[in-house]
Protein backbone atom coordinates (compact mmCIF):
# COMPACT_ATOMS: atom_id res chain seq x y z
CA MET A 1 -0.19 0.54 -0.10
CA THR A 2 1.01 2.85 -1.20
CA CYS A 3 0.33 6.95 -0.23
CA ALA A 4 1.58 9.76 -1.72
CA LEU A 5 3.83 12.44 -0.73
CA THR A 6 2.46 16.13 -1.18
CA SER A 7 5.73 18.31 1.18
CA VAL A 8 8.52 17.74 1.65
CA ARG A 9 10.57 20.26 3.71
CA THR A 10 13.93 19.21 4.72
CA THR A 11 17.09 20.15 5.51
CA THR A 12 19.84 19.34 4.17
CA ALA A 13 23.88 20.21 3.16
CA GLY A 14 21.70 22.67 0.89
CA ILE A 15 20.37 20.21 -1.74
CA PRO A 16 16.52 19.26 -1.41
CA ILE A 17 14.48 15.78 -2.31
CA SER A 18 12.63 15.44 -5.17
CA CYS A 19 10.47 12.53 -4.28
CA MET A 20 9.28 10.26 -0.72
CA THR A 21 7.32 7.51 -0.88
CA ALA A 22 6.35 4.90 2.05
CA VAL A 23 5.67 1.74 1.46
CA ARG A 24 3.86 -0.01 3.49
CA THR A 25 4.30 -4.70 3.15
CA GLY A 26 3.03 -6.94 6.25
CA PHE A 27 4.41 -5.58 9.29
CA ASN A 28 6.56 -3.15 7.73
CA THR A 29 6.51 0.36 6.42
CA ARG A 30 9.23 0.52 4.26
CA ILE A 31 10.54 4.71 3.50
CA LEU A 32 12.13 4.95 -0.64
CA ILE A 33 13.28 8.26 -1.22
CA GLU A 34 14.69 9.21 -5.34
CA GLY A 35 17.05 12.72 -5.04
CA TYR A 36 19.74 13.85 -3.70
CA GLY A 37 21.43 14.72 -0.04
CA VAL A 38 22.27 13.56 3.36
CA VAL A 39 19.15 14.94 5.12
CA ARG A 40 20.49 16.56 8.56
CA SER A 41 16.49 16.88 9.48
CA ILE A 42 12.82 16.10 7.62
CA GLN A 43 9.03 17.09 7.46
CA LEU A 44 7.30 14.97 5.68
CA ILE A 45 2.73 15.51 5.06
CA PHE A 46 1.52 13.23 3.32
CA LEU A 47 -1.50 12.24 1.67
CA PRO A 48 -3.13 8.95 1.72
CA THR A 49 -4.83 7.92 -1.41
CA SER A 50 -7.39 5.85 -0.22
CA THR A 51 -8.64 5.37 3.55
CA ASN A 52 -7.17 2.06 4.27
CA ILE A 53 -3.72 3.20 3.25
CA ALA A 54 -4.72 6.69 5.97
CA SER A 55 -5.55 4.19 8.57
CA THR A 56 -2.23 2.25 7.65
CA CYS A 57 -0.26 5.27 7.92
CA THR A 58 -1.91 7.26 10.88
CA LYS A 59 1.31 6.94 13.02
CA ILE A 60 4.02 7.33 10.96
CA THR A 61 1.90 10.55 9.58
CA LEU A 62 1.81 11.65 13.27
CA ILE A 63 5.27 10.80 13.30
CA VAL A 64 7.09 12.09 11.48
CA MET A 65 4.57 15.77 10.87
CA THR A 66 4.64 16.82 14.81
CA ARG A 67 8.53 17.29 14.97
CA HIS A 68 11.32 17.53 12.56
CA CYS A 69 13.30 14.48 12.62
CA ASP A 70 16.33 13.60 12.66
CA PRO A 71 17.73 10.79 11.09
CA ARG A 72 18.89 9.45 14.89
CA SER A 73 15.51 9.77 16.13
CA PHE A 74 13.17 8.28 13.31
CA MET A 75 15.59 6.19 13.92
CA LEU A 76 14.56 5.27 17.33
CA LEU A 77 10.93 6.71 16.59
CA LYS A 78 10.82 3.86 13.43
CA ARG A 79 13.12 1.22 13.87
CA HIS A 80 16.87 0.35 13.00
CA TYR A 81 15.94 -0.05 9.29
CA HIS A 82 14.00 3.17 8.47
CA ARG A 83 16.70 5.37 9.36
CA LEU A 84 18.60 3.54 6.99
CA HIS A 85 16.25 3.37 3.75
CA LEU A 86 16.01 7.40 5.12
CA GLU A 87 20.38 7.91 4.16
CA ARG A 88 21.66 5.31 2.29
CA PHE A 89 18.63 6.26 -0.60
CA SER A 90 18.87 10.37 -0.29
CA LEU A 91 22.74 8.79 -0.70
CA PHE A 92 23.09 7.47 -3.84
CA SER A 93 19.70 7.10 -5.54
CA LEU A 94 18.59 9.75 -8.26
CA PRO A 95 15.11 11.05 -9.95
CA ARG A 96 14.28 9.06 -13.37
CA SER A 97 15.21 11.95 -15.19
CA VAL A 98 17.72 14.51 -13.61
CA ASP A 99 15.31 16.35 -16.74
CA GLN A 100 12.79 16.46 -14.51
CA GLU A 101 11.51 19.32 -12.96
CA ASN A 102 12.04 19.87 -9.65
CA GLU A 103 8.41 20.90 -7.38
CA ASP A 104 11.20 22.70 -4.74
CA SER A 105 13.29 25.26 -7.46
CA ASN A 106 11.52 27.68 -4.91
CA ASP A 107 12.97 26.15 -1.57
CA GLY A 108 16.07 28.50 -2.59
CA PHE A 109 19.20 25.56 -2.38
CA SER A 110 19.29 24.95 -6.39
CA ASP A 111 21.29 27.82 -7.03
CA LYS A 112 23.19 27.23 -3.51
CA ALA A 113 24.05 23.74 -4.64
CA ASN A 114 25.06 24.69 -8.01
CA THR A 115 27.38 27.67 -6.54
CA ALA A 116 28.91 25.63 -4.48
CA PHE A 117 29.99 23.03 -6.70
CA GLU A 118 31.78 24.98 -8.91
CA GLY A 119 33.48 26.81 -5.91
CA SER A 120 34.55 23.72 -4.93
CA ARG A 121 35.27 20.88 -8.42
CA ASN A 122 38.66 20.59 -8.68
CA GLU A 123 40.18 21.62 -6.09
CA ASP A 124 40.02 17.96 -4.29
CA PHE A 125 40.99 16.68 -7.92
CA ASP A 126 44.57 16.23 -8.89
CA SER A 127 45.77 15.87 -12.17
CA ASP A 128 46.13 11.91 -12.74
CA VAL A 129 42.70 11.73 -12.45
CA ASP A 130 39.96 13.31 -13.08
CA VAL A 131 35.64 13.43 -12.79
CA GLU A 132 34.56 14.58 -16.04
CA GLY A 133 30.44 15.22 -17.20
CA GLU A 134 29.38 16.14 -21.07
CA HIS A 135 27.85 19.33 -20.40
CA ASP A 136 28.02 22.95 -18.93
CA GLN A 137 28.52 22.64 -14.84
CA THR A 138 26.09 25.16 -14.38
CA THR A 139 23.10 25.16 -17.11
CA SER A 140 22.83 21.33 -17.61
CA ALA A 141 20.72 19.05 -16.30
CA ALA A 142 23.26 16.61 -16.06
CA GLY A 143 25.59 19.78 -14.03
CA VAL A 144 23.08 19.68 -11.73
CA ALA A 145 22.87 16.15 -11.63
CA ARG A 146 26.80 16.11 -10.31
CA ALA A 147 26.52 19.46 -8.83
CA ARG A 148 23.99 18.34 -5.94
CA TRP A 149 25.90 14.99 -6.05
CA MET A 150 29.43 16.35 -5.23
CA MET A 151 27.79 18.57 -2.27
CA ALA A 152 26.25 15.92 -0.69
CA ILE A 153 29.87 13.61 -1.17
CA ARG A 154 31.11 16.58 0.99
CA ALA A 155 28.91 16.05 3.16
CA ILE A 156 29.73 12.46 4.39
CA LYS A 157 32.97 13.33 4.90
CA THR A 158 33.10 13.11 8.65
CA LYS A 159 33.08 9.94 10.31
CA ARG A 160 30.26 10.22 11.86
CA LEU A 161 27.90 10.39 9.73
CA VAL A 162 28.83 7.70 7.48
CA ARG A 163 29.25 5.42 10.69
CA SER A 164 24.98 6.35 10.79
CA MET A 165 24.86 4.63 7.02
CA LEU A 166 25.75 1.34 8.49
CA GLY A 167 24.03 1.20 11.67
CA GLY A 168 26.63 2.60 13.72
CA ASP A 169 30.79 1.31 14.26
CA ARG A 170 31.02 -1.62 17.20
CA ARG A 171 31.73 -0.07 19.68
CA ASP A 172 28.73 1.76 19.88
CA GLY A 173 26.46 -1.19 19.74
CA ILE A 174 24.59 -0.87 16.76
CA ARG A 175 25.14 -4.23 14.28
CA LEU A 176 23.91 -4.70 10.98
CA GLU A 177 21.55 -7.99 12.69
CA ASP A 178 19.32 -5.06 14.01
CA HIS A 179 18.19 -4.65 10.77
CA GLN A 180 19.22 -7.28 8.16
CA ARG A 181 18.95 -5.78 5.44
CA ARG A 182 22.23 -5.09 3.61
CA PRO A 183 22.17 -1.68 1.46
CA ARG A 184 21.51 -1.58 -2.42
CA PHE A 185 21.60 1.53 -5.15
CA HIS A 186 20.38 0.74 -8.43
CA ASP A 187 22.49 4.61 -9.90
CA ALA A 188 25.76 3.28 -10.97
CA GLU A 189 26.29 6.71 -12.32
CA GLY A 190 25.69 8.15 -8.73
CA ALA A 191 27.82 5.55 -6.82
CA ALA A 192 30.63 6.24 -9.75
CA VAL A 193 31.48 10.08 -8.91
CA ALA A 194 30.93 9.27 -5.00
CA ILE A 195 33.41 6.13 -5.43
CA ALA A 196 35.87 8.80 -8.07
CA GLN A 197 35.84 11.74 -5.60
CA ALA A 198 36.36 9.70 -2.29
CA LEU A 199 39.31 7.50 -3.95
CA LYS A 200 40.97 10.76 -5.37
CA GLY A 201 41.29 12.15 -1.45
CA GLN A 202 44.02 11.72 1.41
CA ASN A 203 41.69 10.05 4.40
CA PRO A 204 41.56 6.25 3.10
CA ALA A 205 38.87 5.75 6.57
CA ASP A 206 36.42 8.28 4.01
CA ILE A 207 37.38 5.78 1.18
CA LYS A 208 36.64 2.81 3.11
CA SER A 209 33.59 3.68 4.51
CA LEU A 210 31.74 4.29 1.17
CA ILE A 211 33.29 1.32 -0.53
CA ILE A 212 31.18 -0.48 2.80
CA ALA A 213 28.17 1.88 2.15
CA ILE A 214 28.37 0.24 -1.75
CA LEU A 215 29.83 -2.66 -3.10
CA PRO A 216 28.99 -5.59 -0.63
CA GLY A 217 25.59 -5.09 -1.66
CA LEU A 218 25.92 -4.91 -5.51
CA SER A 219 25.10 -7.96 -7.79
CA HIS A 220 27.28 -8.89 -10.09
CA GLU A 221 25.04 -7.16 -12.86
CA ARG A 222 25.48 -3.91 -11.15
CA VAL A 223 28.92 -3.73 -10.24
CA LEU A 224 29.30 -4.54 -14.01
CA ASP A 225 27.38 -0.79 -14.43
CA LEU A 226 29.38 0.55 -12.06
CA ARG A 227 32.62 -0.33 -13.81
CA ILE A 228 30.81 1.18 -17.27
CA GLU A 229 30.36 4.41 -15.46
CA TYR A 230 33.07 4.64 -13.93
CA THR A 231 35.01 4.60 -16.80
CA LYS A 232 32.48 7.66 -18.18
CA ILE A 233 33.30 8.93 -15.16
CA ALA A 234 37.07 8.69 -14.09
CA LYS A 235 39.89 10.06 -16.46
CA ALA A 236 43.07 9.90 -16.80
CA GLY A 237 46.11 10.35 -18.78
CA SER A 238 46.80 13.26 -21.68
CA GLU A 239 44.36 10.93 -23.35
CA ARG A 240 41.80 11.12 -20.85
CA LYS A 241 41.66 7.60 -20.47
CA GLY A 242 38.46 6.16 -18.32
CA VAL A 243 39.79 4.90 -15.47
CA ASN A 244 39.08 0.77 -14.54
CA LEU A 245 37.57 0.86 -10.68
CA ALA A 246 38.81 -1.96 -9.47
CA LYS A 247 42.49 -0.98 -10.53
CA HIS A 248 42.05 2.22 -9.24
CA ILE A 249 40.94 0.58 -5.55
CA LYS A 250 43.69 -1.45 -6.13
CA MET A 251 45.82 1.31 -6.55
CA ARG A 252 44.31 3.42 -3.78
CA LEU A 253 44.69 0.09 -1.45
CA GLY A 254 46.72 -2.09 -2.44
CA THR A 255 45.68 -6.12 -1.78
CA ASP A 256 48.41 -6.64 0.85
CA THR A 257 45.61 -6.26 3.52
CA ALA A 258 42.06 -7.72 3.69
CA PHE A 259 40.12 -5.01 3.47
CA GLY A 260 41.74 -3.90 0.24
CA LYS A 261 41.99 -7.14 -1.27
CA ILE A 262 38.03 -7.43 -0.58
CA ALA A 263 36.68 -4.69 -1.67
CA TYR A 264 39.41 -5.64 -5.40
CA VAL A 265 38.07 -8.70 -5.31
CA THR A 266 34.88 -7.36 -5.44
CA SER A 267 35.11 -5.04 -7.60
CA LEU A 268 36.22 -7.16 -10.49
CA GLY A 269 33.18 -9.09 -10.17
CA ARG A 270 31.79 -12.56 -9.93
CA TRP A 271 34.03 -14.34 -13.27
CA GLU A 272 36.94 -12.28 -13.28
CA SER A 273 37.45 -11.95 -9.23
CA GLU A 274 37.34 -16.37 -9.94
CA ALA A 275 39.58 -16.06 -12.51
CA TYR A 276 41.66 -13.34 -10.14
CA TRP A 277 41.81 -16.74 -7.67
CA ALA A 278 42.58 -18.99 -9.72
CA ASN A 279 45.76 -16.60 -10.75
CA PHE A 280 46.58 -16.38 -7.25
CA GLY A 281 45.90 -19.99 -6.61
CA PHE A 282 49.35 -20.87 -8.86
CA GLN A 283 51.38 -18.98 -6.12
CA ASP A 284 53.52 -20.11 -3.04
CA GLU A 285 53.03 -23.50 -4.34
CA LYS A 286 50.41 -25.94 -3.03
CA ARG A 287 49.75 -24.02 -0.16
CA ARG A 288 46.96 -21.57 -2.48
CA ARG A 289 46.01 -24.82 -4.44
CA GLU A 290 42.43 -24.70 -2.11
CA LEU A 291 42.06 -20.49 -4.21
CA LEU A 292 42.07 -22.95 -7.66
CA VAL A 293 40.46 -25.70 -6.68
CA GLU A 294 37.56 -24.12 -5.50
CA SER A 295 37.47 -22.08 -7.85
CA LEU A 296 37.62 -23.96 -11.58
CA MET A 297 36.52 -27.14 -10.45
CA GLY A 298 32.87 -28.42 -10.34
CA ARG A 299 31.86 -25.58 -12.39
CA THR A 300 29.10 -25.91 -15.17
CA ASN A 301 30.60 -25.19 -19.46
CA ARG A 302 28.73 -21.92 -18.45
CA GLU A 303 31.15 -21.23 -15.27
CA ILE A 304 34.01 -22.24 -17.21
CA ARG A 305 33.52 -20.11 -20.35
CA GLU A 306 33.14 -16.72 -17.97
CA ILE A 307 35.95 -17.33 -16.68
CA LYS A 308 38.37 -18.27 -19.26
CA ASP A 309 36.21 -14.89 -20.87
CA ALA A 310 36.72 -12.95 -18.10
CA PHE A 311 41.18 -14.21 -17.42
CA SER A 312 43.40 -11.76 -18.26
CA ASP A 313 47.56 -11.93 -17.81
CA LYS A 314 49.84 -10.50 -20.70
CA LYS A 315 51.99 -13.08 -19.09
CA TYR A 316 49.64 -15.84 -20.60
CA SER A 317 48.42 -14.12 -23.71
CA ASP A 318 45.44 -13.70 -21.18
CA SER A 319 44.79 -17.82 -21.38
CA LEU A 320 43.12 -19.38 -18.33
CA THR A 321 44.67 -22.98 -20.52
CA LYS A 322 47.86 -21.48 -20.94
CA CYS A 323 48.39 -20.13 -17.32
CA ILE A 324 47.30 -24.07 -15.69
CA ASP A 325 49.64 -25.57 -18.68
CA MET A 326 52.67 -23.00 -17.66
CA GLU A 327 52.56 -22.84 -14.34
CA LEU A 328 51.46 -26.78 -13.00
CA PRO A 329 54.06 -29.09 -12.46
CA ASP A 330 52.74 -32.54 -14.66
CA GLY A 331 51.11 -35.25 -12.84
CA ASN A 332 47.68 -36.55 -11.96
CA PHE A 333 46.68 -32.55 -10.74
CA LYS A 334 47.35 -30.90 -13.70
CA LYS A 335 45.65 -33.29 -16.25
CA ALA A 336 42.01 -33.24 -13.53
CA VAL A 337 42.22 -28.81 -13.42
CA LEU A 338 42.90 -28.81 -17.52
CA LEU A 339 40.32 -31.02 -17.81
CA GLY A 340 37.87 -29.12 -15.51
CA VAL A 341 38.47 -26.07 -17.88
CA GLU A 342 38.10 -27.84 -21.03
CA GLU A 343 34.36 -27.42 -21.11
CA LYS A 344 33.55 -31.28 -21.48
CA ARG A 345 31.15 -31.87 -18.15
CA GLY A 346 28.43 -33.14 -18.66
CA GLU A 347 25.18 -30.84 -19.44
CA GLU A 348 22.54 -30.63 -16.96
CA GLY A 349 18.57 -30.28 -17.73
CA PRO A 350 15.57 -32.47 -18.97
CA GLU A 351 16.81 -32.34 -23.03
CA TYR A 352 19.53 -34.66 -21.42
CA PRO A 353 18.62 -37.64 -19.64
CA LEU A 354 20.93 -40.27 -18.06
CA ASN A 355 22.35 -42.56 -19.34
CA ARG A 356 21.60 -45.90 -16.92
CA VAL A 357 24.24 -48.26 -18.72
CA LEU A 358 27.32 -45.32 -18.49
CA VAL A 359 25.92 -45.29 -14.81
CA GLU A 360 26.49 -48.79 -14.37
CA ASP A 361 29.75 -48.67 -16.08
CA ASP A 362 31.23 -45.80 -14.06
CA THR A 363 30.19 -47.13 -10.54
CA ARG A 364 32.25 -50.38 -11.56
CA ASP A 365 35.42 -48.08 -13.15
CA LEU A 366 35.61 -46.56 -9.94
CA TYR A 367 35.31 -49.57 -7.63
CA ASN A 368 37.91 -51.07 -9.55
CA ALA A 369 40.08 -47.45 -9.53
CA VAL A 370 39.77 -47.69 -5.62
CA THR A 371 40.39 -51.70 -4.63
CA SER A 372 43.66 -51.54 -6.82
CA GLU A 373 46.82 -51.85 -5.08
CA LYS A 374 47.88 -48.34 -5.91
CA GLY A 375 44.66 -46.89 -7.03
CA ASP A 376 43.65 -45.37 -9.66
CA GLU A 377 43.61 -41.97 -10.05
CA SER A 378 43.49 -41.16 -13.74
CA ILE A 379 40.32 -43.70 -14.19
CA MET A 380 38.55 -41.83 -11.11
CA ILE A 381 40.18 -38.32 -12.79
CA SER A 382 38.02 -39.12 -15.95
CA ILE A 383 34.74 -39.75 -14.13
CA VAL A 384 34.68 -37.50 -11.39
CA VAL A 385 35.83 -34.45 -13.48
CA VAL A 386 33.29 -34.70 -16.26
CA ARG A 387 30.39 -35.95 -15.19
CA SER A 388 26.70 -33.62 -14.50
CA ASP A 389 26.32 -33.66 -11.33
CA SER A 390 23.46 -35.80 -11.71
CA HIS A 391 24.81 -38.56 -13.61
CA LEU A 392 27.66 -38.78 -10.92
CA ARG A 393 24.25 -38.47 -8.23
CA GLU A 394 22.98 -41.21 -9.38
CA VAL A 395 26.89 -43.44 -9.41
CA LEU A 396 27.54 -42.58 -5.74
CA LYS A 397 23.94 -44.06 -5.44
CA LEU A 398 24.45 -47.39 -7.18
CA TYR A 399 27.83 -47.93 -5.37
CA GLU A 400 26.15 -47.27 -1.92
CA ALA A 401 23.58 -50.33 -2.78
CA THR A 402 26.11 -52.56 -4.39
CA TYR A 403 29.64 -51.73 -2.83
CA PRO A 404 29.32 -51.45 1.06
CA PRO A 405 32.31 -49.15 2.01
CA ASN A 406 31.78 -45.11 1.24
CA PHE A 407 33.12 -44.32 -1.95
CA ALA A 408 34.29 -41.39 -0.88
CA ARG A 409 36.13 -42.54 2.47
CA GLU A 410 37.72 -45.32 -0.39
CA MET A 411 39.00 -43.11 -2.45
CA PHE A 412 40.52 -40.49 -0.09
CA LYS A 413 42.54 -43.64 2.08
CA LYS A 414 44.32 -44.44 -1.79
CA SER A 415 44.53 -40.29 -2.92
CA GLY A 416 44.79 -38.46 0.09
CA ASN A 417 46.72 -35.66 -2.06
CA LEU A 418 45.45 -32.83 -4.11
CA VAL A 419 43.97 -34.91 -6.60
CA GLY A 420 42.22 -36.54 -3.41
CA GLY A 421 41.34 -32.30 -2.91
CA VAL A 422 39.72 -32.11 -6.22
CA LEU A 423 37.77 -34.74 -6.82
CA ALA A 424 36.49 -34.01 -2.93
CA HIS A 425 34.95 -30.85 -3.36
CA ILE A 426 33.26 -32.27 -6.84
CA LEU A 427 31.52 -35.50 -4.72
CA ASN A 428 31.08 -32.91 -1.96
CA GLY A 429 29.33 -30.25 -4.02
CA VAL A 430 27.32 -32.80 -5.96
CA ILE A 431 26.07 -34.40 -2.61
CA ASN A 432 25.45 -30.96 -0.86
CA LYS A 433 27.11 -27.95 -2.22
CA PRO A 434 25.02 -25.56 1.02
CA VAL A 435 26.71 -28.01 2.56
CA ARG A 436 30.06 -27.87 1.13
CA ASP A 437 30.37 -24.47 1.45
CA ALA A 438 28.94 -23.83 4.57
CA ILE A 439 32.27 -26.36 6.19
CA LEU A 440 34.27 -24.47 3.51
CA ILE A 441 33.38 -21.13 5.43
CA HIS A 442 33.68 -22.67 8.89
CA ASN A 443 37.02 -23.37 8.63
CA ALA A 444 37.92 -20.92 7.25
CA LEU A 445 37.23 -19.30 10.29
CA SER A 446 38.65 -22.10 12.23
CA PHE A 447 42.14 -21.10 10.87
CA SER A 448 44.36 -19.21 13.38
CA THR A 449 44.22 -15.02 12.73
CA SER A 450 48.06 -15.47 11.87
CA ASN A 451 47.67 -17.78 9.29
CA SER A 452 47.33 -14.90 5.79
CA LEU A 453 45.73 -18.20 4.07
CA ARG A 454 43.10 -18.12 6.17
CA THR A 455 41.88 -14.13 4.94
CA ASP A 456 42.03 -15.67 1.13
CA LEU A 457 40.03 -18.22 1.41
CA LEU A 458 37.45 -16.20 3.98
CA ILE A 459 37.51 -13.95 1.32
CA SER A 460 37.06 -16.02 -2.05
CA ARG A 461 34.00 -18.71 0.01
CA LEU A 462 31.94 -15.55 1.21
CA VAL A 463 32.19 -13.20 -1.81
CA ARG A 464 31.22 -16.49 -4.48
CA CYS A 465 28.64 -17.29 -2.52
CA HIS A 466 27.41 -13.72 -1.53
CA TRP A 467 26.70 -13.26 -5.51
CA ASP A 468 23.54 -15.10 -5.46
CA ARG A 469 21.49 -14.19 -3.15
CA PRO A 470 18.82 -17.59 -2.39
CA TYR A 471 22.50 -19.27 -2.35
CA ILE A 472 23.28 -18.12 0.85
CA GLU A 473 20.44 -17.77 2.31
CA ALA A 474 20.76 -21.39 1.66
CA VAL A 475 24.04 -21.88 3.04
CA LYS A 476 23.33 -19.75 5.85
CA ARG A 477 21.21 -21.93 6.95
CA GLU A 478 23.42 -25.51 6.83
CA TYR A 479 25.40 -22.98 8.57
CA ARG A 480 22.82 -22.92 11.36
CA LYS A 481 21.88 -26.51 11.43
CA ARG A 482 25.78 -27.98 11.34
CA TYR A 483 27.34 -25.48 14.19
CA GLU A 484 23.99 -24.53 16.52
CA VAL A 485 24.88 -20.07 15.46
CA ASP A 486 24.47 -17.66 12.46
CA MET A 487 26.73 -17.52 9.85
CA GLN A 488 26.77 -13.88 9.33
CA LYS A 489 27.44 -13.50 13.58
CA ALA A 490 30.11 -16.31 13.32
CA VAL A 491 31.13 -14.06 10.80
CA VAL A 492 31.58 -10.86 12.61
CA GLU A 493 33.24 -13.13 16.23
CA GLY A 494 35.59 -13.90 13.50
CA THR A 495 36.72 -10.58 11.42
CA ARG A 496 37.77 -7.02 12.81
CA GLY A 497 37.73 -3.19 10.99
CA GLU A 498 36.68 -1.97 8.46
CA TRP A 499 36.76 -5.10 6.60
CA GLY A 500 34.99 -7.63 9.02
CA GLN A 501 32.39 -4.52 8.35
CA PHE A 502 32.14 -5.79 4.80
CA CYS A 503 32.46 -9.34 5.28
CA GLU A 504 29.23 -9.34 7.40
CA ILE A 505 27.41 -7.36 4.55
CA LEU A 506 28.60 -9.71 2.00
CA CYS A 507 26.78 -12.54 4.51
CA GLY A 508 23.39 -10.18 4.44
CA PRO A 509 19.77 -10.78 3.55
């Protein structure tokens, strides 16, 4: 149910709000905002569109109309959840058209915003990276939009305001679990401008706060949109070439810290981040092979194509296959990984019916492989790496019904090395993928905090799961069943600082 907004009176950083709607669904009432600015205090007057809506929105209307509500007061009156929407949407949502007439043009804010922007635009940028506009900043609608954005960006350069955006820092006891909501931003251009301005600043805390407020709440598609807009806005060099967002984050924050790495990897998007972990997994010999295995093995053919297309390293002519061939020593592990990226895995779907004869043959071959004197890894690799999930599930069922010993247990006895790890990762995903990934996240949290591999494993596993929201919810359910604790809470307790806040939002609903 919706009620129309007939009047808005704000005191912001010289910036008006253009549109706001109160929407009630069930027992929750959401404040949705389209506009610009950081709201300091706000007074709303609603015109109900029906009697039923009036009755549902009466309490909100009375609260808002009887006083100017500071965002913190608003939080106390109508829950933490509403305050987050109030501030976050006002900061990062542009109107549907920047050319639309501003209903509040007589409030005296617009000219002030334009003047302030013109007088301060260049002072926060140096010569190597700049924010460019397509139109004159003082007269065009796009210029007015950017003017307001710059004012909004400058307003968030205080820790208190940024922390209020994020629901408070860890010391004040306000945590994400209090409202269980992830920020979601749908305006790629506005977010790109905000990040570009922050990355040009000199305060790392401002950069981190803004990245936390934007990146972990974006889907893969939104990240790609953000990167496209960033190249249009941030320019560098004499030729004014667009700046790559991920590379700019890496340049400013580095990847030698946990926060820098998680910000960089997330900004790469779903498939390029997997290509990054695959390449990273070649470093430090066997110590980081888990990263390689988890990024590539057990994938569908389509996913492998996406990762291969996203792989970029001039040393290997941008070829993931060439990278694997050059970096891995000869042996069954190399054979398994190369086979995994050949896009020869069995397809899933009704148009690909199970071959019962092949299921029986594979079951018999696997039994012979694990019961031979030394174990035949080549046979196991050729079956487990190449067959589809549905085919392997039938093989495991038939194996247990025909041969009493558990195949996975017997396989580990014969192949407890890297090859065994590859086969186990694939088979655990076949049996129950959410359970497998819940265990992997728990194992990463169980590592000593002094172990650098712990950070890499936790980041890769959380970022990988968060791209698919229904899937990470399934992982969280399995985590709670298995360990009797909320996964998000476990991540909070196992991390700290800004990278911990980032991880926490990745785990959010």
